[in-house]
N, C-alpha and C. Protein backbone atom coordinates (compact mmCIF):
# COMPACT_ATOMS: atom_id res chain seq x y z
N MET A 1 0.84 -1.19 0.03
CA MET A 1 0.04 0.03 -0.01
C MET A 1 0.94 1.25 -0.04
N ASN A 2 0.68 2.12 -0.96
CA ASN A 2 1.54 3.36 -1.00
C ASN A 2 1.05 4.40 -0.02
N GLU A 3 1.77 5.47 0.01
CA GLU A 3 1.48 6.56 0.97
C GLU A 3 0.11 7.19 0.78
N LEU A 4 -0.28 7.39 -0.44
CA LEU A 4 -1.53 8.00 -0.72
C LEU A 4 -2.70 7.11 -0.28
N GLN A 5 -2.55 5.84 -0.56
CA GLN A 5 -3.61 4.82 -0.14
C GLN A 5 -3.71 4.80 1.40
N ARG A 6 -2.58 4.86 2.06
CA ARG A 6 -2.62 4.86 3.58
C ARG A 6 -3.28 6.11 4.12
N ARG A 7 -3.02 7.23 3.51
CA ARG A 7 -3.64 8.49 3.90
C ARG A 7 -5.19 8.41 3.71
N PHE A 8 -5.57 7.92 2.56
CA PHE A 8 -7.00 7.86 2.27
C PHE A 8 -7.69 6.81 3.18
N LEU A 9 -7.04 5.72 3.49
CA LEU A 9 -7.61 4.79 4.53
C LEU A 9 -7.78 5.48 5.80
N LEU A 10 -6.80 6.30 6.25
CA LEU A 10 -6.89 7.01 7.49
C LEU A 10 -8.06 7.99 7.44
N TYR A 11 -8.28 8.67 6.33
CA TYR A 11 -9.33 9.59 6.19
C TYR A 11 -10.69 8.84 6.31
N ALA A 12 -10.80 7.69 5.66
CA ALA A 12 -12.01 6.89 5.77
C ALA A 12 -12.33 6.47 7.23
N ILE A 13 -11.25 6.06 7.94
CA ILE A 13 -11.46 5.68 9.35
C ILE A 13 -11.85 6.86 10.21
N VAL A 14 -11.22 8.06 9.94
CA VAL A 14 -11.58 9.29 10.68
C VAL A 14 -13.05 9.57 10.43
N GLY A 15 -13.51 9.43 9.19
CA GLY A 15 -14.93 9.69 8.87
C GLY A 15 -15.88 8.75 9.53
N LEU A 16 -15.48 7.46 9.54
CA LEU A 16 -16.35 6.47 10.21
C LEU A 16 -16.47 6.68 11.63
N ILE A 17 -15.36 7.04 12.32
CA ILE A 17 -15.38 7.29 13.79
C ILE A 17 -16.14 8.57 14.05
N PHE A 18 -15.98 9.59 13.22
CA PHE A 18 -16.68 10.83 13.47
C PHE A 18 -18.17 10.74 13.35
N GLY A 19 -18.66 9.93 12.37
CA GLY A 19 -20.04 9.78 12.16
C GLY A 19 -20.76 9.16 13.34
N ILE A 20 -20.12 8.19 14.01
CA ILE A 20 -20.74 7.61 15.17
C ILE A 20 -20.57 8.57 16.36
N ASN A 21 -19.41 9.23 16.50
CA ASN A 21 -19.28 10.12 17.62
C ASN A 21 -20.24 11.30 17.54
N ASP A 22 -20.70 11.65 16.30
CA ASP A 22 -21.62 12.83 16.17
C ASP A 22 -22.94 12.53 16.90
N TRP A 23 -23.33 11.25 17.01
CA TRP A 23 -24.49 10.92 17.77
C TRP A 23 -24.37 11.35 19.21
N PHE A 24 -23.21 11.05 19.76
CA PHE A 24 -22.97 11.44 21.20
C PHE A 24 -22.86 12.96 21.40
N TYR A 25 -22.28 13.62 20.38
CA TYR A 25 -22.15 15.07 20.48
C TYR A 25 -23.59 15.69 20.40
N LEU A 26 -24.41 15.19 19.54
CA LEU A 26 -25.76 15.78 19.45
C LEU A 26 -26.56 15.52 20.71
N ASP A 27 -26.36 14.36 21.33
CA ASP A 27 -26.99 14.08 22.62
C ASP A 27 -26.49 15.06 23.67
N TRP A 28 -25.18 15.29 23.68
CA TRP A 28 -24.68 16.24 24.65
C TRP A 28 -25.14 17.71 24.37
N LEU A 29 -25.23 18.05 23.09
CA LEU A 29 -25.72 19.37 22.68
C LEU A 29 -27.23 19.52 23.15
N ALA A 30 -27.99 18.50 23.11
CA ALA A 30 -29.38 18.59 23.50
C ALA A 30 -29.55 18.70 24.97
N HIS A 31 -28.56 18.34 25.77
CA HIS A 31 -28.68 18.38 27.19
C HIS A 31 -27.82 19.47 27.86
N ILE A 32 -27.28 20.43 27.08
CA ILE A 32 -26.50 21.51 27.64
C ILE A 32 -27.45 22.39 28.51
N SER A 33 -26.90 22.80 29.63
CA SER A 33 -27.59 23.81 30.43
C SER A 33 -27.23 25.18 29.94
N TRP A 34 -28.11 25.90 29.31
CA TRP A 34 -27.72 27.23 28.72
C TRP A 34 -27.87 28.35 29.71
N GLY A 35 -28.43 28.10 30.86
CA GLY A 35 -28.60 29.18 31.85
C GLY A 35 -29.51 30.23 31.30
N ARG A 36 -29.15 31.46 31.59
CA ARG A 36 -29.95 32.62 31.11
C ARG A 36 -29.99 32.76 29.61
N LEU A 37 -28.95 32.33 28.93
CA LEU A 37 -28.93 32.36 27.46
C LEU A 37 -30.09 31.54 26.89
N GLY A 38 -30.41 30.40 27.54
CA GLY A 38 -31.46 29.56 27.04
C GLY A 38 -32.85 30.17 26.96
N GLU A 39 -32.99 31.30 27.66
CA GLU A 39 -34.27 31.99 27.65
C GLU A 39 -34.38 33.00 26.51
N THR A 40 -33.31 33.14 25.76
CA THR A 40 -33.33 34.13 24.68
C THR A 40 -33.44 33.43 23.30
N ILE A 41 -33.72 34.19 22.30
CA ILE A 41 -33.80 33.70 20.94
C ILE A 41 -32.42 33.45 20.35
N LEU A 42 -31.43 34.01 21.00
CA LEU A 42 -30.03 33.84 20.50
C LEU A 42 -29.55 32.39 20.59
N VAL A 43 -30.11 31.59 21.44
CA VAL A 43 -29.66 30.26 21.58
C VAL A 43 -29.93 29.37 20.35
N ILE A 44 -30.95 29.71 19.60
CA ILE A 44 -31.35 28.93 18.39
C ILE A 44 -30.22 29.01 17.35
N PRO A 45 -29.72 30.21 16.94
CA PRO A 45 -28.66 30.18 15.96
C PRO A 45 -27.40 29.56 16.49
N ILE A 46 -27.15 29.68 17.79
CA ILE A 46 -25.93 29.01 18.36
C ILE A 46 -26.07 27.54 18.22
N ILE A 47 -27.15 26.98 18.51
CA ILE A 47 -27.35 25.52 18.40
C ILE A 47 -27.24 25.11 16.94
N ILE A 48 -27.78 25.86 16.05
CA ILE A 48 -27.74 25.51 14.61
C ILE A 48 -26.24 25.52 14.16
N VAL A 49 -25.53 26.55 14.51
CA VAL A 49 -24.13 26.66 14.12
C VAL A 49 -23.30 25.47 14.69
N ARG A 50 -23.54 25.19 15.98
CA ARG A 50 -22.82 24.11 16.63
C ARG A 50 -23.24 22.75 16.07
N ASN A 51 -24.45 22.57 15.63
CA ASN A 51 -24.94 21.34 15.06
C ASN A 51 -24.29 21.12 13.72
N TYR A 52 -24.28 22.09 12.83
CA TYR A 52 -23.71 21.88 11.52
C TYR A 52 -22.24 22.23 11.46
N GLY A 53 -21.77 23.07 12.32
CA GLY A 53 -20.36 23.45 12.30
C GLY A 53 -19.47 22.28 12.72
N ILE A 54 -20.00 21.36 13.53
CA ILE A 54 -19.17 20.26 13.99
C ILE A 54 -18.69 19.42 12.83
N TRP A 55 -19.43 19.46 11.72
CA TRP A 55 -18.99 18.66 10.53
C TRP A 55 -17.77 19.22 9.84
N LEU A 56 -17.32 20.44 10.27
CA LEU A 56 -16.07 20.99 9.73
C LEU A 56 -14.87 20.40 10.50
N VAL A 57 -15.11 19.83 11.64
CA VAL A 57 -13.98 19.33 12.46
C VAL A 57 -13.23 18.23 11.74
N PRO A 58 -13.78 17.23 11.13
CA PRO A 58 -12.95 16.27 10.43
C PRO A 58 -12.44 16.73 9.07
N ILE A 59 -13.17 17.61 8.44
CA ILE A 59 -12.75 17.94 7.04
C ILE A 59 -11.71 18.97 6.95
N ILE A 60 -11.62 19.90 7.84
CA ILE A 60 -10.56 20.96 7.76
C ILE A 60 -9.21 20.40 7.93
N PRO A 61 -8.91 19.58 8.99
CA PRO A 61 -7.54 19.08 9.04
C PRO A 61 -7.19 18.10 7.87
N VAL A 62 -8.14 17.36 7.44
CA VAL A 62 -7.92 16.45 6.30
C VAL A 62 -7.56 17.22 5.05
N ALA A 63 -8.35 18.29 4.80
CA ALA A 63 -8.17 19.02 3.51
C ALA A 63 -6.79 19.83 3.65
N ILE A 64 -6.54 20.34 4.82
CA ILE A 64 -5.29 21.10 4.88
C ILE A 64 -4.04 20.15 4.78
N TYR A 65 -4.10 19.05 5.47
CA TYR A 65 -2.96 18.06 5.41
C TYR A 65 -2.81 17.57 3.98
N GLU A 66 -3.89 17.21 3.33
CA GLU A 66 -3.77 16.68 1.99
C GLU A 66 -3.35 17.76 1.00
N ALA A 67 -3.75 19.03 1.25
CA ALA A 67 -3.29 20.09 0.33
C ALA A 67 -1.80 20.33 0.44
N ARG A 68 -1.27 20.18 1.63
CA ARG A 68 0.17 20.34 1.88
C ARG A 68 0.97 19.17 1.28
N HIS A 69 0.41 18.00 1.21
CA HIS A 69 1.15 16.85 0.73
C HIS A 69 0.53 16.30 -0.59
N ARG A 70 -0.08 17.18 -1.25
CA ARG A 70 -0.83 16.72 -2.48
C ARG A 70 0.16 16.42 -3.60
N GLN A 71 -0.27 15.42 -4.40
CA GLN A 71 0.44 15.11 -5.60
C GLN A 71 -0.32 15.68 -6.74
N ARG A 72 -1.66 15.77 -6.61
CA ARG A 72 -2.54 16.30 -7.57
C ARG A 72 -3.48 17.32 -6.96
N ILE A 73 -3.99 18.21 -7.72
CA ILE A 73 -4.87 19.27 -7.19
C ILE A 73 -6.19 18.78 -6.66
N HIS A 74 -6.64 17.63 -7.18
CA HIS A 74 -7.93 17.11 -6.79
C HIS A 74 -7.86 16.17 -5.54
N ASN A 75 -6.67 15.83 -5.07
CA ASN A 75 -6.56 15.02 -3.87
C ASN A 75 -7.22 15.56 -2.62
N PRO A 76 -7.07 16.86 -2.31
CA PRO A 76 -7.74 17.33 -1.13
C PRO A 76 -9.26 17.28 -1.28
N MET A 77 -9.82 17.48 -2.47
CA MET A 77 -11.30 17.35 -2.63
C MET A 77 -11.76 15.93 -2.51
N LEU A 78 -11.00 14.95 -3.03
CA LEU A 78 -11.33 13.57 -2.92
C LEU A 78 -11.17 13.10 -1.46
N ALA A 79 -10.20 13.60 -0.77
CA ALA A 79 -10.00 13.26 0.64
C ALA A 79 -11.18 13.74 1.44
N GLY A 80 -11.66 14.98 1.20
CA GLY A 80 -12.75 15.52 1.87
C GLY A 80 -14.03 14.79 1.55
N MET A 81 -14.24 14.42 0.36
CA MET A 81 -15.43 13.68 -0.07
C MET A 81 -15.47 12.30 0.60
N LEU A 82 -14.30 11.65 0.63
CA LEU A 82 -14.23 10.35 1.25
C LEU A 82 -14.48 10.40 2.72
N THR A 83 -13.92 11.40 3.40
CA THR A 83 -14.09 11.59 4.85
C THR A 83 -15.59 11.82 5.17
N TRP A 84 -16.22 12.76 4.46
CA TRP A 84 -17.61 13.00 4.70
C TRP A 84 -18.55 11.90 4.32
N SER A 85 -18.23 11.20 3.22
CA SER A 85 -19.07 10.02 2.82
C SER A 85 -18.99 8.91 3.89
N CYS A 86 -17.80 8.73 4.40
CA CYS A 86 -17.71 7.67 5.45
C CYS A 86 -18.38 8.15 6.74
N ALA A 87 -18.29 9.42 7.05
CA ALA A 87 -18.94 9.92 8.25
C ALA A 87 -20.44 9.83 8.11
N LEU A 88 -21.00 10.18 6.97
CA LEU A 88 -22.41 10.08 6.78
C LEU A 88 -22.86 8.61 6.76
N SER A 89 -22.10 7.79 6.14
CA SER A 89 -22.45 6.32 6.13
C SER A 89 -22.52 5.75 7.50
N SER A 90 -21.46 6.04 8.31
CA SER A 90 -21.46 5.50 9.72
C SER A 90 -22.53 6.16 10.57
N TYR A 91 -22.82 7.41 10.32
CA TYR A 91 -23.86 8.13 11.10
C TYR A 91 -25.23 7.45 10.90
N TYR A 92 -25.54 7.20 9.61
CA TYR A 92 -26.81 6.60 9.35
C TYR A 92 -26.83 5.07 9.60
N ALA A 93 -25.72 4.45 9.51
CA ALA A 93 -25.68 3.00 9.91
C ALA A 93 -25.91 2.85 11.42
N TYR A 94 -25.33 3.76 12.16
CA TYR A 94 -25.53 3.79 13.61
C TYR A 94 -27.00 4.08 13.91
N TYR A 95 -27.52 5.06 13.19
CA TYR A 95 -28.95 5.37 13.32
C TYR A 95 -29.83 4.14 13.06
N GLY A 96 -29.51 3.41 12.02
CA GLY A 96 -30.25 2.19 11.73
C GLY A 96 -30.17 1.10 12.86
N ILE A 97 -28.97 0.99 13.40
CA ILE A 97 -28.77 0.12 14.50
C ILE A 97 -29.63 0.49 15.72
N LEU A 98 -29.53 1.81 16.04
CA LEU A 98 -30.36 2.30 17.12
C LEU A 98 -31.85 2.12 16.88
N LEU A 99 -32.29 2.39 15.70
CA LEU A 99 -33.69 2.18 15.30
C LEU A 99 -34.12 0.72 15.46
N SER A 100 -33.27 -0.18 14.96
CA SER A 100 -33.57 -1.57 14.98
C SER A 100 -33.61 -2.15 16.37
N LEU A 101 -32.85 -1.55 17.32
CA LEU A 101 -32.81 -2.03 18.65
C LEU A 101 -33.78 -1.29 19.58
N GLY A 102 -34.55 -0.40 19.06
CA GLY A 102 -35.51 0.35 19.83
C GLY A 102 -34.89 1.33 20.82
N LYS A 103 -33.73 1.90 20.47
CA LYS A 103 -33.03 2.82 21.32
C LYS A 103 -33.27 4.23 21.06
N LEU A 104 -34.15 4.54 20.10
CA LEU A 104 -34.48 5.93 19.78
C LEU A 104 -35.77 6.35 20.45
N PRO A 105 -35.79 7.55 21.08
CA PRO A 105 -37.02 8.01 21.76
C PRO A 105 -38.20 8.10 20.78
N HIS A 106 -39.34 7.61 21.21
CA HIS A 106 -40.61 7.65 20.48
C HIS A 106 -40.61 6.75 19.31
N LEU A 107 -39.57 5.93 19.09
CA LEU A 107 -39.56 5.02 18.00
C LEU A 107 -39.28 3.55 18.54
N GLU A 108 -39.60 3.34 19.76
CA GLU A 108 -39.38 2.03 20.36
C GLU A 108 -40.22 0.97 19.70
N HIS A 109 -41.34 1.37 19.13
CA HIS A 109 -42.21 0.35 18.52
C HIS A 109 -41.65 -0.24 17.24
N LEU A 110 -40.53 0.28 16.74
CA LEU A 110 -39.88 -0.22 15.52
C LEU A 110 -38.76 -1.17 15.84
N ILE A 111 -38.68 -1.72 17.05
CA ILE A 111 -37.65 -2.73 17.37
C ILE A 111 -37.81 -3.94 16.51
N ILE A 112 -36.76 -4.41 15.95
CA ILE A 112 -36.81 -5.58 15.03
C ILE A 112 -37.18 -6.82 15.73
N PHE A 113 -36.68 -6.95 17.02
CA PHE A 113 -36.91 -8.20 17.74
C PHE A 113 -38.23 -8.28 18.47
N GLY A 114 -39.08 -7.31 18.30
CA GLY A 114 -40.37 -7.27 19.03
C GLY A 114 -41.49 -7.87 18.19
N ASN A 115 -42.72 -7.74 18.71
CA ASN A 115 -43.90 -8.14 17.95
C ASN A 115 -44.14 -7.13 16.82
N LYS A 116 -44.46 -7.68 15.66
CA LYS A 116 -44.60 -6.81 14.46
C LYS A 116 -46.08 -6.91 14.00
N ASP A 117 -46.68 -5.74 13.78
CA ASP A 117 -48.01 -5.73 13.16
C ASP A 117 -47.87 -5.76 11.68
N GLU A 118 -48.95 -5.70 10.92
CA GLU A 118 -48.95 -5.85 9.48
C GLU A 118 -48.21 -4.64 8.79
N LYS A 119 -48.23 -3.45 9.40
CA LYS A 119 -47.59 -2.28 8.79
C LYS A 119 -46.21 -2.00 9.32
N PHE A 120 -45.63 -2.95 10.06
CA PHE A 120 -44.31 -2.69 10.62
C PHE A 120 -43.22 -2.33 9.58
N TRP A 121 -43.07 -3.11 8.56
CA TRP A 121 -42.06 -2.89 7.55
C TRP A 121 -42.33 -1.62 6.78
N TYR A 122 -43.56 -1.29 6.61
CA TYR A 122 -43.88 0.02 5.99
C TYR A 122 -43.40 1.22 6.73
N TYR A 123 -43.61 1.17 8.07
CA TYR A 123 -43.11 2.26 8.94
C TYR A 123 -41.63 2.20 9.19
N TYR A 124 -41.13 1.03 9.22
CA TYR A 124 -39.70 0.87 9.46
C TYR A 124 -38.90 1.44 8.29
């Protein structure tokens, strides 16, 4: 395996780990005690920026590192696409696991191992 392949494998692993960790970050973000700031309308844009801004955490170091060590101009773009694709894939795979095990609030009725009515697969 050459150096470029090792770097791209690392970027894929970073994306996979980040996607799962984002679930825990969002849970933490939902349970922050905002104090007096929570009573103002200002907390909404802060939450939105923190919710979407976290997705820059894996991509910025990957893109900067790859841009400095690039052999071709499109390598940083491909590295970013790979990282985000792996992050999204692991995020939704983890979501599917949680859904299937009945670990999501208000979706406990979609547990795979439980009793299923006739419309179970339609809703699942």
